[in-house]
């Protein structure tokens, strides 16, 4: 999970919201894969 965490400095404040949603969407993607 640490590999998914990227430096916040590389992401603008506008994209910080979508960056926060990524962990929430991962479980759904995994379920679709299965």
PDB file of N, CA and C in Angstrom:
ATOM      1  N   UNK A   1       0.839  -1.202   0.000  1.00  0.00           N
ATOM      2  CA  UNK A   1       0.000   0.000   0.000  1.00  0.00           C
ATOM      3  C   UNK A   1       0.875   1.254   0.000  1.00  0.00           C
ATOM      4  N   UNK A   2       2.076   1.139   0.544  1.00  0.00           N
ATOM      5  CA  UNK A   2       2.965   2.295   0.586  1.00  0.00           C
ATOM      6  C   UNK A   2       3.337   2.762  -0.814  1.00  0.00           C
ATOM      7  N   UNK A   3       3.410   1.825  -1.756  1.00  0.00           N
ATOM      8  CA  UNK A   3       3.790   2.186  -3.117  1.00  0.00           C
ATOM      9  C   UNK A   3       2.726   3.078  -3.749  1.00  0.00           C
ATOM     10  N   UNK A   4       1.467   2.910  -3.310  1.00  0.00           N
ATOM     11  CA  UNK A   4       0.377   3.714  -3.871  1.00  0.00           C
ATOM     12  C   UNK A   4       0.467   5.152  -3.377  1.00  0.00           C
ATOM     13  N   UNK A   5       0.959   5.343  -2.149  1.00  0.00           N
ATOM     14  CA  UNK A   5       1.064   6.687  -1.584  1.00  0.00           C
ATOM     15  C   UNK A   5       2.169   7.459  -2.301  1.00  0.00           C
ATOM     16  N   UNK A   6       1.789   8.552  -2.961  1.00  0.00           N
ATOM     17  CA  UNK A   6       2.768   9.364  -3.675  1.00  0.00           C
ATOM     18  C   UNK A   6       2.931  10.705  -2.967  1.00  0.00           C
ATOM     19  N   UNK A   7       4.070  11.360  -3.169  1.00  0.00           N
ATOM     20  CA  UNK A   7       4.303  12.674  -2.554  1.00  0.00           C
ATOM     21  C   UNK A   7       3.199  13.648  -2.939  1.00  0.00           C
ATOM     22  N   UNK A   8       2.615  14.295  -1.949  1.00  0.00           N
ATOM     23  CA  UNK A   8       1.520  15.235  -2.221  1.00  0.00           C
ATOM     24  C   UNK A   8       2.022  16.445  -3.003  1.00  0.00           C
ATOM     25  N   UNK A   9       3.318  16.734  -2.899  1.00  0.00           N
ATOM     26  CA  UNK A   9       3.876  17.899  -3.582  1.00  0.00           C
ATOM     27  C   UNK A   9       3.732  17.763  -5.095  1.00  0.00           C
ATOM     28  N   UNK A  10       3.698  16.538  -5.586  1.00  0.00           N
ATOM     29  CA  UNK A  10       3.593  16.309  -7.022  1.00  0.00           C
ATOM     30  C   UNK A  10       2.168  16.519  -7.517  1.00  0.00           C
ATOM     31  N   UNK A  11       1.205  16.534  -6.579  1.00  0.00           N
ATOM     32  CA  UNK A  11      -0.195  16.684  -6.974  1.00  0.00           C
ATOM     33  C   UNK A  11      -0.731  18.047  -6.543  1.00  0.00           C
ATOM     34  N   UNK A  12      -1.320  18.792  -7.494  1.00  0.00           N
ATOM     35  CA  UNK A  12      -1.954  20.076  -7.169  1.00  0.00           C
ATOM     36  C   UNK A  12      -3.119  19.874  -6.207  1.00  0.00           C
ATOM     37  N   UNK A  13      -3.533  20.930  -5.549  1.00  0.00           N
ATOM     38  CA  UNK A  13      -4.636  20.834  -4.589  1.00  0.00           C
ATOM     39  C   UNK A  13      -5.921  20.383  -5.285  1.00  0.00           C
ATOM     40  N   UNK A  14      -6.064  20.741  -6.552  1.00  0.00           N
ATOM     41  CA  UNK A  14      -7.287  20.383  -7.278  1.00  0.00           C
ATOM     42  C   UNK A  14      -7.362  18.875  -7.483  1.00  0.00           C
ATOM     43  N   UNK A  15      -6.221  18.226  -7.668  1.00  0.00           N
ATOM     44  CA  UNK A  15      -6.201  16.788  -7.909  1.00  0.00           C
ATOM     45  C   UNK A  15      -6.112  16.005  -6.600  1.00  0.00           C
ATOM     46  N   UNK A  16      -5.960  16.710  -5.482  1.00  0.00           N
ATOM     47  CA  UNK A  16      -5.826  16.022  -4.189  1.00  0.00           C
ATOM     48  C   UNK A  16      -7.109  15.269  -3.870  1.00  0.00           C
ATOM     49  N   UNK A  17      -8.256  15.800  -4.292  1.00  0.00           N
ATOM     50  CA  UNK A  17      -9.538  15.134  -4.024  1.00  0.00           C
ATOM     51  C   UNK A  17      -9.589  13.796  -4.750  1.00  0.00           C
ATOM     52  N   UNK A  18      -9.251  13.802  -6.032  1.00  0.00           N
ATOM     53  CA  UNK A  18      -9.285  12.554  -6.805  1.00  0.00           C
ATOM     54  C   UNK A  18      -8.258  11.567  -6.241  1.00  0.00           C
ATOM     55  N   UNK A  19      -7.138  12.100  -5.765  1.00  0.00           N
ATOM     56  CA  UNK A  19      -6.104  11.239  -5.180  1.00  0.00           C
ATOM     57  C   UNK A  19      -6.644  10.541  -3.938  1.00  0.00           C
ATOM     58  N   UNK A  20      -7.502  11.232  -3.202  1.00  0.00           N
ATOM     59  CA  UNK A  20      -8.084  10.642  -1.989  1.00  0.00           C
ATOM     60  C   UNK A  20      -9.093   9.564  -2.358  1.00  0.00           C
ATOM     61  N   UNK A  21      -9.755   9.711  -3.501  1.00  0.00           N
ATOM     62  CA  UNK A  21     -10.786   8.756  -3.910  1.00  0.00           C
ATOM     63  C   UNK A  21     -10.173   7.463  -4.442  1.00  0.00           C
ATOM     64  N   UNK A  22      -8.919   7.502  -4.854  1.00  0.00           N
ATOM     65  CA  UNK A  22      -8.280   6.310  -5.428  1.00  0.00           C
ATOM     66  C   UNK A  22      -8.355   5.109  -4.476  1.00  0.00           C
ATOM     67  N   UNK A  23      -7.988   5.244  -3.193  1.00  0.00           N
ATOM     68  CA  UNK A  23      -8.061   4.101  -2.267  1.00  0.00           C
ATOM     69  C   UNK A  23      -9.484   3.571  -2.136  1.00  0.00           C
ATOM     70  N   UNK A  24     -10.488   4.441  -2.263  1.00  0.00           N
ATOM     71  CA  UNK A  24     -11.881   4.010  -2.133  1.00  0.00           C
ATOM     72  C   UNK A  24     -12.318   3.221  -3.360  1.00  0.00           C
ATOM     73  N   UNK A  25     -11.768   3.562  -4.521  1.00  0.00           N
ATOM     74  CA  UNK A  25     -12.161   2.903  -5.768  1.00  0.00           C
ATOM     75  C   UNK A  25     -11.412   1.585  -5.967  1.00  0.00           C
ATOM     76  N   UNK A  26     -10.252   1.444  -5.345  1.00  0.00           N
ATOM     77  CA  UNK A  26      -9.454   0.222  -5.515  1.00  0.00           C
ATOM     78  C   UNK A  26     -10.227  -1.049  -5.183  1.00  0.00           C
ATOM     79  N   UNK A  27     -10.943  -1.104  -4.056  1.00  0.00           N
ATOM     80  CA  UNK A  27     -11.690  -2.329  -3.714  1.00  0.00           C
ATOM     81  C   UNK A  27     -12.681  -2.712  -4.810  1.00  0.00           C
ATOM     82  N   UNK A  28     -13.346  -1.726  -5.415  1.00  0.00           N
ATOM     83  CA  UNK A  28     -14.320  -2.024  -6.471  1.00  0.00           C
ATOM     84  C   UNK A  28     -13.616  -2.614  -7.686  1.00  0.00           C
ATOM     85  N   UNK A  29     -12.450  -2.076  -8.014  1.00  0.00           N
ATOM     86  CA  UNK A  29     -11.691  -2.579  -9.164  1.00  0.00           C
ATOM     87  C   UNK A  29     -11.252  -4.019  -8.909  1.00  0.00           C
ATOM     88  N   UNK A  30     -10.861  -4.309  -7.682  1.00  0.00           N
ATOM     89  CA  UNK A  30     -10.424  -5.661  -7.332  1.00  0.00           C
ATOM     90  C   UNK A  30     -11.585  -6.635  -7.466  1.00  0.00           C
ATOM     91  N   UNK A  31     -12.761  -6.223  -7.004  1.00  0.00           N
ATOM     92  CA  UNK A  31     -13.940  -7.092  -7.085  1.00  0.00           C
ATOM     93  C   UNK A  31     -14.294  -7.360  -8.547  1.00  0.00           C
ATOM     94  N   UNK A  32     -14.162  -6.327  -9.385  1.00  0.00           N
ATOM     95  CA  UNK A  32     -14.461  -6.506 -10.808  1.00  0.00           C
ATOM     96  C   UNK A  32     -13.462  -7.467 -11.436  1.00  0.00           C
ATOM     97  N   UNK A  33     -12.217  -7.408 -10.968  1.00  0.00           N
ATOM     98  CA  UNK A  33     -11.180  -8.294 -11.496  1.00  0.00           C
ATOM     99  C   UNK A  33     -11.514  -9.744 -11.168  1.00  0.00           C
ATOM    100  N   UNK A  34     -12.033  -9.950  -9.965  1.00  0.00           N
ATOM    101  CA  UNK A  34     -12.371 -11.313  -9.535  1.00  0.00           C
ATOM    102  C   UNK A  34     -13.657 -11.746 -10.233  1.00  0.00           C
TER     103      UNK A  34
END
